[in-house]
Amino acid sequence: MLMGIISWIILGLLAGFVASKVVTGQSQGVALDIVFGVVGALIGGWLFNALGAVRATGFNFWSLFVAVIGAVVLLVIWHAVRGRLSRT
């Protein structure tokens, strides 16, 4: 159980960091990278499942790819909403 949680945190950190670099060109910070990566993994798994593709299958490259795609989607939405809110 503990290794599962640690694996999620590590995968989340990696996915969040890569997604942050893709979307903004810089990291969002360790804590936010982990949050965006873990939530992104859930979103990516849902998206890939909805499209009929294989979702995350463990701690491997495919799972990292799924998590990064989900985190990119989440970050784009996050920045669109955050940018819209900060202008008002």
PDB file of N, CA and C in Angstrom:
ATOM      1  N   MET A   1       0.829  -1.198   0.000  1.00  0.00           N
ATOM      2  CA  MET A   1       0.000   0.000   0.000  1.00  0.00           C
ATOM      3  C   MET A   1       0.873   1.261   0.000  1.00  0.00           C
ATOM      4  N   LEU A   2       1.875   1.305   0.890  1.00  0.00           N
ATOM      5  CA  LEU A   2       2.749   2.475   0.969  1.00  0.00           C
ATOM      6  C   LEU A   2       3.513   2.664  -0.335  1.00  0.00           C
ATOM      7  N   MET A   3       3.986   1.565  -0.934  1.00  0.00           N
ATOM      8  CA  MET A   3       4.703   1.675  -2.210  1.00  0.00           C
ATOM      9  C   MET A   3       3.771   2.161  -3.310  1.00  0.00           C
ATOM     10  N   GLY A   4       2.498   1.795  -3.247  1.00  0.00           N
ATOM     11  CA  GLY A   4       1.529   2.275  -4.224  1.00  0.00           C
ATOM     12  C   GLY A   4       1.345   3.778  -4.135  1.00  0.00           C
ATOM     13  N   ILE A   5       1.259   4.288  -2.918  1.00  0.00           N
ATOM     14  CA  ILE A   5       1.098   5.726  -2.705  1.00  0.00           C
ATOM     15  C   ILE A   5       2.356   6.462  -3.149  1.00  0.00           C
ATOM     16  N   ILE A   6       3.504   5.924  -2.797  1.00  0.00           N
ATOM     17  CA  ILE A   6       4.766   6.549  -3.202  1.00  0.00           C
ATOM     18  C   ILE A   6       4.904   6.528  -4.720  1.00  0.00           C
ATOM     19  N   SER A   7       4.497   5.429  -5.351  1.00  0.00           N
ATOM     20  CA  SER A   7       4.544   5.342  -6.812  1.00  0.00           C
ATOM     21  C   SER A   7       3.646   6.387  -7.457  1.00  0.00           C
ATOM     22  N   TRP A   8       2.436   6.580  -6.914  1.00  0.00           N
ATOM     23  CA  TRP A   8       1.515   7.604  -7.434  1.00  0.00           C
ATOM     24  C   TRP A   8       2.124   8.988  -7.302  1.00  0.00           C
ATOM     25  N   ILE A   9       2.766   9.252  -6.166  1.00  0.00           N
ATOM     26  CA  ILE A   9       3.380  10.564  -5.946  1.00  0.00           C
ATOM     27  C   ILE A   9       4.526  10.794  -6.932  1.00  0.00           C
ATOM     28  N   ILE A  10       5.360   9.791  -7.116  1.00  0.00           N
ATOM     29  CA  ILE A  10       6.490   9.921  -8.043  1.00  0.00           C
ATOM     30  C   ILE A  10       5.998  10.073  -9.478  1.00  0.00           C
ATOM     31  N   LEU A  11       5.043   9.229  -9.868  1.00  0.00           N
ATOM     32  CA  LEU A  11       4.475   9.333 -11.217  1.00  0.00           C
ATOM     33  C   LEU A  11       3.797  10.689 -11.396  1.00  0.00           C
ATOM     34  N   GLY A  12       3.075  11.144 -10.374  1.00  0.00           N
ATOM     35  CA  GLY A  12       2.420  12.447 -10.430  1.00  0.00           C
ATOM     36  C   GLY A  12       3.412  13.579 -10.572  1.00  0.00           C
ATOM     37  N   LEU A  13       4.508  13.518  -9.827  1.00  0.00           N
ATOM     38  CA  LEU A  13       5.531  14.548  -9.910  1.00  0.00           C
ATOM     39  C   LEU A  13       6.135  14.595 -11.308  1.00  0.00           C
ATOM     40  N   LEU A  14       6.481  13.442 -11.848  1.00  0.00           N
ATOM     41  CA  LEU A  14       7.059  13.393 -13.194  1.00  0.00           C
ATOM     42  C   LEU A  14       6.065  13.887 -14.245  1.00  0.00           C
ATOM     43  N   ALA A  15       4.841  13.393 -14.182  1.00  0.00           N
ATOM     44  CA  ALA A  15       3.824  13.783 -15.163  1.00  0.00           C
ATOM     45  C   ALA A  15       3.487  15.262 -15.039  1.00  0.00           C
ATOM     46  N   GLY A  16       3.326  15.745 -13.827  1.00  0.00           N
ATOM     47  CA  GLY A  16       3.017  17.156 -13.620  1.00  0.00           C
ATOM     48  C   GLY A  16       4.135  18.067 -14.088  1.00  0.00           C
ATOM     49  N   PHE A  17       5.376  17.659 -13.833  1.00  0.00           N
ATOM     50  CA  PHE A  17       6.523  18.453 -14.262  1.00  0.00           C
ATOM     51  C   PHE A  17       6.598  18.528 -15.787  1.00  0.00           C
ATOM     52  N   VAL A  18       6.466  17.377 -16.445  1.00  0.00           N
ATOM     53  CA  VAL A  18       6.520  17.349 -17.909  1.00  0.00           C
ATOM     54  C   VAL A  18       5.368  18.160 -18.496  1.00  0.00           C
ATOM     55  N   ALA A  19       4.166  17.979 -17.964  1.00  0.00           N
ATOM     56  CA  ALA A  19       3.004  18.721 -18.465  1.00  0.00           C
ATOM     57  C   ALA A  19       3.180  20.222 -18.247  1.00  0.00           C
ATOM     58  N   SER A  20       3.720  20.615 -17.105  1.00  0.00           N
ATOM     59  CA  SER A  20       3.961  22.033 -16.836  1.00  0.00           C
ATOM     60  C   SER A  20       4.938  22.623 -17.838  1.00  0.00           C
ATOM     61  N   LYS A  21       5.989  21.867 -18.156  1.00  0.00           N
ATOM     62  CA  LYS A  21       6.969  22.327 -19.138  1.00  0.00           C
ATOM     63  C   LYS A  21       6.334  22.457 -20.526  1.00  0.00           C
ATOM     64  N   VAL A  22       5.440  21.536 -20.870  1.00  0.00           N
ATOM     65  CA  VAL A  22       4.773  21.579 -22.177  1.00  0.00           C
ATOM     66  C   VAL A  22       3.832  22.775 -22.256  1.00  0.00           C
ATOM     67  N   VAL A  23       3.046  23.007 -21.206  1.00  0.00           N
ATOM     68  CA  VAL A  23       2.007  24.039 -21.244  1.00  0.00           C
ATOM     69  C   VAL A  23       2.570  25.434 -20.991  1.00  0.00           C
ATOM     70  N   THR A  24       3.411  25.584 -19.957  1.00  0.00           N
ATOM     71  CA  THR A  24       3.864  26.927 -19.571  1.00  0.00           C
ATOM     72  C   THR A  24       5.358  27.152 -19.750  1.00  0.00           C
ATOM     73  N   GLY A  25       6.114  26.095 -19.957  1.00  0.00           N
ATOM     74  CA  GLY A  25       7.556  26.240 -20.091  1.00  0.00           C
ATOM     75  C   GLY A  25       8.295  26.259 -18.770  1.00  0.00           C
ATOM     76  N   GLN A  26       7.559  26.175 -17.663  1.00  0.00           N
ATOM     77  CA  GLN A  26       8.206  26.150 -16.347  1.00  0.00           C
ATOM     78  C   GLN A  26       7.385  25.296 -15.396  1.00  0.00           C
ATOM     79  N   SER A  27       8.045  24.817 -14.347  1.00  0.00           N
ATOM     80  CA  SER A  27       7.380  24.002 -13.339  1.00  0.00           C
ATOM     81  C   SER A  27       6.392  24.847 -12.545  1.00  0.00           C
ATOM     82  N   GLN A  28       5.362  24.208 -12.039  1.00  0.00           N
ATOM     83  CA  GLN A  28       4.382  24.881 -11.190  1.00  0.00           C
ATOM     84  C   GLN A  28       4.782  24.800  -9.721  1.00  0.00           C
ATOM     85  N   GLY A  29       5.884  24.135  -9.434  1.00  0.00           N
ATOM     86  CA  GLY A  29       6.318  23.874  -8.062  1.00  0.00           C
ATOM     87  C   GLY A  29       6.056  22.414  -7.734  1.00  0.00           C
ATOM     88  N   VAL A  30       6.800  21.863  -6.804  1.00  0.00           N
ATOM     89  CA  VAL A  30       6.720  20.435  -6.510  1.00  0.00           C
ATOM     90  C   VAL A  30       5.301  20.017  -6.119  1.00  0.00           C
ATOM     91  N   ALA A  31       4.684  20.732  -5.195  1.00  0.00           N
ATOM     92  CA  ALA A  31       3.356  20.341  -4.707  1.00  0.00           C
ATOM     93  C   ALA A  31       2.316  20.383  -5.824  1.00  0.00           C
ATOM     94  N   LEU A  32       2.284  21.462  -6.588  1.00  0.00           N
ATOM     95  CA  LEU A  32       1.306  21.560  -7.672  1.00  0.00           C
ATOM     96  C   LEU A  32       1.614  20.579  -8.799  1.00  0.00           C
ATOM     97  N   ASP A  33       2.887  20.328  -9.072  1.00  0.00           N
ATOM     98  CA  ASP A  33       3.233  19.329 -10.091  1.00  0.00           C
ATOM     99  C   ASP A  33       2.691  17.958  -9.687  1.00  0.00           C
ATOM    100  N   ILE A  34       2.819  17.604  -8.413  1.00  0.00           N
ATOM    101  CA  ILE A  34       2.292  16.318  -7.931  1.00  0.00           C
ATOM    102  C   ILE A  34       0.779  16.281  -8.076  1.00  0.00           C
ATOM    103  N   VAL A  35       0.113  17.347  -7.639  1.00  0.00           N
ATOM    104  CA  VAL A  35      -1.357  17.389  -7.715  1.00  0.00           C
ATOM    105  C   VAL A  35      -1.821  17.311  -9.167  1.00  0.00           C
ATOM    106  N   PHE A  36      -1.236  18.138 -10.034  1.00  0.00           N
ATOM    107  CA  PHE A  36      -1.629  18.112 -11.444  1.00  0.00           C
ATOM    108  C   PHE A  36      -1.318  16.756 -12.073  1.00  0.00           C
ATOM    109  N   GLY A  37      -0.213  16.152 -11.692  1.00  0.00           N
ATOM    110  CA  GLY A  37       0.148  14.843 -12.252  1.00  0.00           C
ATOM    111  C   GLY A  37      -0.777  13.728 -11.807  1.00  0.00           C
ATOM    112  N   VAL A  38      -1.107  13.679 -10.517  1.00  0.00           N
ATOM    113  CA  VAL A  38      -1.988  12.624 -10.004  1.00  0.00           C
ATOM    114  C   VAL A  38      -3.407  12.802 -10.551  1.00  0.00           C
ATOM    115  N   VAL A  39      -3.930  14.026 -10.481  1.00  0.00           N
ATOM    116  CA  VAL A  39      -5.266  14.281 -11.031  1.00  0.00           C
ATOM    117  C   VAL A  39      -5.244  14.088 -12.551  1.00  0.00           C
ATOM    118  N   GLY A  40      -4.152  14.492 -13.172  1.00  0.00           N
ATOM    119  CA  GLY A  40      -4.004  14.281 -14.614  1.00  0.00           C
ATOM    120  C   GLY A  40      -4.002  12.803 -14.978  1.00  0.00           C
ATOM    121  N   ALA A  41      -3.423  11.963 -14.136  1.00  0.00           N
ATOM    122  CA  ALA A  41      -3.440  10.516 -14.383  1.00  0.00           C
ATOM    123  C   ALA A  41      -4.871   9.995 -14.359  1.00  0.00           C
ATOM    124  N   LEU A  42      -5.669  10.495 -13.436  1.00  0.00           N
ATOM    125  CA  LEU A  42      -7.079  10.090 -13.379  1.00  0.00           C
ATOM    126  C   LEU A  42      -7.833  10.565 -14.617  1.00  0.00           C
ATOM    127  N   ILE A  43      -7.605  11.815 -15.003  1.00  0.00           N
ATOM    128  CA  ILE A  43      -8.255  12.371 -16.196  1.00  0.00           C
ATOM    129  C   ILE A  43      -7.782  11.624 -17.448  1.00  0.00           C
ATOM    130  N   GLY A  44      -6.478  11.407 -17.543  1.00  0.00           N
ATOM    131  CA  GLY A  44      -5.931  10.685 -18.691  1.00  0.00           C
ATOM    132  C   GLY A  44      -6.476   9.268 -18.782  1.00  0.00           C
ATOM    133  N   GLY A  45      -6.570   8.587 -17.641  1.00  0.00           N
ATOM    134  CA  GLY A  45      -7.139   7.239 -17.630  1.00  0.00           C
ATOM    135  C   GLY A  45      -8.583   7.244 -18.096  1.00  0.00           C
ATOM    136  N   TRP A  46      -9.344   8.233 -17.656  1.00  0.00           N
ATOM    137  CA  TRP A  46     -10.739   8.344 -18.075  1.00  0.00           C
ATOM    138  C   TRP A  46     -10.833   8.629 -19.579  1.00  0.00           C
ATOM    139  N   LEU A  47     -10.003   9.579 -20.058  1.00  0.00           N
ATOM    140  CA  LEU A  47     -10.020   9.919 -21.486  1.00  0.00           C
ATOM    141  C   LEU A  47      -9.637   8.728 -22.360  1.00  0.00           C
ATOM    142  N   PHE A  48      -8.547   8.056 -21.992  1.00  0.00           N
ATOM    143  CA  PHE A  48      -8.086   6.929 -22.792  1.00  0.00           C
ATOM    144  C   PHE A  48      -9.104   5.796 -22.765  1.00  0.00           C
ATOM    145  N   ASN A  49      -9.731   5.572 -21.620  1.00  0.00           N
ATOM    146  CA  ASN A  49     -10.766   4.549 -21.515  1.00  0.00           C
ATOM    147  C   ASN A  49     -11.968   4.917 -22.390  1.00  0.00           C
ATOM    148  N   ALA A  50     -12.361   6.194 -22.376  1.00  0.00           N
ATOM    149  CA  ALA A  50     -13.497   6.652 -23.180  1.00  0.00           C
ATOM    150  C   ALA A  50     -13.214   6.514 -24.678  1.00  0.00           C
ATOM    151  N   LEU A  51     -11.957   6.652 -25.055  1.00  0.00           N
ATOM    152  CA  LEU A  51     -11.571   6.521 -26.468  1.00  0.00           C
ATOM    153  C   LEU A  51     -11.286   5.074 -26.865  1.00  0.00           C
ATOM    154  N   GLY A  52     -11.397   4.152 -25.920  1.00  0.00           N
ATOM    155  CA  GLY A  52     -11.173   2.742 -26.201  1.00  0.00           C
ATOM    156  C   GLY A  52      -9.725   2.313 -26.142  1.00  0.00           C
ATOM    157  N   ALA A  53      -8.841   3.181 -25.674  1.00  0.00           N
ATOM    158  CA  ALA A  53      -7.419   2.839 -25.564  1.00  0.00           C
ATOM    159  C   ALA A  53      -7.136   2.290 -24.164  1.00  0.00           C
ATOM    160  N   VAL A  54      -5.966   1.735 -24.004  1.00  0.00           N
ATOM    161  CA  VAL A  54      -5.558   1.195 -22.715  1.00  0.00           C
ATOM    162  C   VAL A  54      -5.199   2.346 -21.790  1.00  0.00           C
ATOM    163  N   ARG A  55      -5.739   2.339 -20.579  1.00  0.00           N
ATOM    164  CA  ARG A  55      -5.377   3.385 -19.622  1.00  0.00           C
ATOM    165  C   ARG A  55      -4.133   2.956 -18.850  1.00  0.00           C
ATOM    166  N   ALA A  56      -3.800   3.679 -17.797  1.00  0.00           N
ATOM    167  CA  ALA A  56      -2.588   3.410 -17.019  1.00  0.00           C
ATOM    168  C   ALA A  56      -2.578   1.961 -16.538  1.00  0.00           C
ATOM    169  N   THR A  57      -1.426   1.318 -16.673  1.00  0.00           N
ATOM    170  CA  THR A  57      -1.315  -0.108 -16.345  1.00  0.00           C
ATOM    171  C   THR A  57      -0.297  -0.390 -15.252  1.00  0.00           C
ATOM    172  N   GLY A  58       0.177   0.594 -14.564  1.00  0.00           N
ATOM    173  CA  GLY A  58       1.194   0.413 -13.541  1.00  0.00           C
ATOM    174  C   GLY A  58       2.237   1.505 -13.655  1.00  0.00           C
ATOM    175  N   PHE A  59       3.371   1.283 -13.061  1.00  0.00           N
ATOM    176  CA  PHE A  59       4.449   2.275 -13.087  1.00  0.00           C
ATOM    177  C   PHE A  59       5.341   1.977 -14.284  1.00  0.00           C
ATOM    178  N   ASN A  60       4.972   2.529 -15.464  1.00  0.00           N
ATOM    179  CA  ASN A  60       5.728   2.300 -16.685  1.00  0.00           C
ATOM    180  C   ASN A  60       5.590   3.511 -17.604  1.00  0.00           C
ATOM    181  N   PHE A  61       6.216   3.435 -18.772  1.00  0.00           N
ATOM    182  CA  PHE A  61       6.208   4.565 -19.697  1.00  0.00           C
ATOM    183  C   PHE A  61       4.796   4.896 -20.169  1.00  0.00           C
ATOM    184  N   TRP A  62       3.975   3.873 -20.460  1.00  0.00           N
ATOM    185  CA  TRP A  62       2.616   4.118 -20.944  1.00  0.00           C
ATOM    186  C   TRP A  62       1.799   4.879 -19.893  1.00  0.00           C
ATOM    187  N   SER A  63       1.917   4.483 -18.641  1.00  0.00           N
ATOM    188  CA  SER A  63       1.189   5.166 -17.575  1.00  0.00           C
ATOM    189  C   SER A  63       1.646   6.611 -17.442  1.00  0.00           C
ATOM    190  N   LEU A  64       2.943   6.840 -17.586  1.00  0.00           N
ATOM    191  CA  LEU A  64       3.468   8.203 -17.548  1.00  0.00           C
ATOM    192  C   LEU A  64       2.901   9.016 -18.709  1.00  0.00           C
ATOM    193  N   PHE A  65       2.836   8.419 -19.888  1.00  0.00           N
ATOM    194  CA  PHE A  65       2.276   9.084 -21.061  1.00  0.00           C
ATOM    195  C   PHE A  65       0.806   9.453 -20.837  1.00  0.00           C
ATOM    196  N   VAL A  66       0.020   8.512 -20.336  1.00  0.00           N
ATOM    197  CA  VAL A  66      -1.401   8.761 -20.056  1.00  0.00           C
ATOM    198  C   VAL A  66      -1.544   9.884 -19.035  1.00  0.00           C
ATOM    199  N   ALA A  67      -0.724   9.853 -17.975  1.00  0.00           N
ATOM    200  CA  ALA A  67      -0.784  10.879 -16.937  1.00  0.00           C
ATOM    201  C   ALA A  67      -0.374  12.247 -17.483  1.00  0.00           C
ATOM    202  N   VAL A  68       0.631  12.299 -18.334  1.00  0.00           N
ATOM    203  CA  VAL A  68       1.072  13.579 -18.911  1.00  0.00           C
ATOM    204  C   VAL A  68      -0.031  14.156 -19.794  1.00  0.00           C
ATOM    205  N   ILE A  69      -0.662  13.333 -20.610  1.00  0.00           N
ATOM    206  CA  ILE A  69      -1.752  13.819 -21.463  1.00  0.00           C
ATOM    207  C   ILE A  69      -2.888  14.377 -20.597  1.00  0.00           C
ATOM    208  N   GLY A  70      -3.263  13.653 -19.570  1.00  0.00           N
ATOM    209  CA  GLY A  70      -4.312  14.131 -18.674  1.00  0.00           C
ATOM    210  C   GLY A  70      -3.918  15.405 -17.944  1.00  0.00           C
ATOM    211  N   ALA A  71      -2.660  15.493 -17.523  1.00  0.00           N
ATOM    212  CA  ALA A  71      -2.187  16.688 -16.826  1.00  0.00           C
ATOM    213  C   ALA A  71      -2.121  17.886 -17.767  1.00  0.00           C
ATOM    214  N   VAL A  72      -1.765  17.665 -19.031  1.00  0.00           N
ATOM    215  CA  VAL A  72      -1.766  18.758 -20.008  1.00  0.00           C
ATOM    216  C   VAL A  72      -3.188  19.289 -20.183  1.00  0.00           C
ATOM    217  N   VAL A  73      -4.149  18.387 -20.331  1.00  0.00           N
ATOM    218  CA  VAL A  73      -5.558  18.805 -20.451  1.00  0.00           C
ATOM    219  C   VAL A  73      -5.970  19.607 -19.222  1.00  0.00           C
ATOM    220  N   LEU A  74      -5.641  19.099 -18.045  1.00  0.00           N
ATOM    221  CA  LEU A  74      -5.989  19.790 -16.801  1.00  0.00           C
ATOM    222  C   LEU A  74      -5.321  21.163 -16.709  1.00  0.00           C
ATOM    223  N   LEU A  75      -4.047  21.256 -17.055  1.00  0.00           N
ATOM    224  CA  LEU A  75      -3.331  22.532 -16.986  1.00  0.00           C
ATOM    225  C   LEU A  75      -3.875  23.557 -17.969  1.00  0.00           C
ATOM    226  N   VAL A  76      -4.240  23.117 -19.161  1.00  0.00           N
ATOM    227  CA  VAL A  76      -4.816  24.040 -20.136  1.00  0.00           C
ATOM    228  C   VAL A  76      -6.132  24.598 -19.605  1.00  0.00           C
ATOM    229  N   ILE A  77      -6.967  23.727 -19.060  1.00  0.00           N
ATOM    230  CA  ILE A  77      -8.238  24.182 -18.470  1.00  0.00           C
ATOM    231  C   ILE A  77      -7.965  25.090 -17.277  1.00  0.00           C
ATOM    232  N   TRP A  78      -7.027  24.695 -16.419  1.00  0.00           N
ATOM    233  CA  TRP A  78      -6.676  25.476 -15.226  1.00  0.00           C
ATOM    234  C   TRP A  78      -6.246  26.890 -15.605  1.00  0.00           C
ATOM    235  N   HIS A  79      -5.348  27.003 -16.577  1.00  0.00           N
ATOM    236  CA  HIS A  79      -4.861  28.325 -16.969  1.00  0.00           C
ATOM    237  C   HIS A  79      -5.924  29.142 -17.695  1.00  0.00           C
ATOM    238  N   ALA A  80      -6.801  28.482 -18.435  1.00  0.00           N
ATOM    239  CA  ALA A  80      -7.895  29.206 -19.105  1.00  0.00           C
ATOM    240  C   ALA A  80      -8.851  29.785 -18.067  1.00  0.00           C
ATOM    241  N   VAL A  81      -9.225  28.992 -17.071  1.00  0.00           N
ATOM    242  CA  VAL A  81     -10.143  29.474 -16.032  1.00  0.00           C
ATOM    243  C   VAL A  81      -9.451  30.495 -15.141  1.00  0.00           C
ATOM    244  N   ARG A  82      -8.244  30.202 -14.740  1.00  0.00           N
ATOM    245  CA  ARG A  82      -7.496  31.109 -13.854  1.00  0.00           C
ATOM    246  C   ARG A  82      -7.231  32.444 -14.538  1.00  0.00           C
ATOM    247  N   GLY A  83      -6.879  32.410 -15.809  1.00  0.00           N
ATOM    248  CA  GLY A  83      -6.645  33.639 -16.556  1.00  0.00           C
ATOM    249  C   GLY A  83      -7.899  34.444 -16.717  1.00  0.00           C
ATOM    250  N   ARG A  84      -9.003  33.773 -16.946  1.00  0.00           N
ATOM    251  CA  ARG A  84     -10.283  34.445 -17.104  1.00  0.00           C
ATOM    252  C   ARG A  84     -10.718  35.069 -15.778  1.00  0.00           C
ATOM    253  N   LEU A  85     -10.494  34.385 -14.670  1.00  0.00           N
ATOM    254  CA  LEU A  85     -10.880  34.908 -13.361  1.00  0.00           C
ATOM    255  C   LEU A  85     -10.011  36.083 -12.927  1.00  0.00           C
ATOM    256  N   SER A  86      -8.733  36.041 -13.287  1.00  0.00           N
ATOM    257  CA  SER A  86      -7.833  37.120 -12.855  1.00  0.00           C
ATOM    258  C   SER A  86      -8.049  38.420 -13.631  1.00  0.00           C
ATOM    259  N   ARG A  87      -8.690  38.359 -14.784  1.00  0.00           N
ATOM    260  CA  ARG A  87      -8.938  39.549 -15.584  1.00  0.00           C
ATOM    261  C   ARG A  87     -10.166  40.319 -15.115  1.00  0.00           C
ATOM    262  N   THR A  88     -11.058  39.656 -14.381  1.00  0.00           N
ATOM    263  CA  THR A  88     -12.289  40.318 -13.949  1.00  0.00           C
ATOM    264  C   THR A  88     -12.117  41.066 -12.668  1.00  0.00           C
TER     265      THR A  88
END
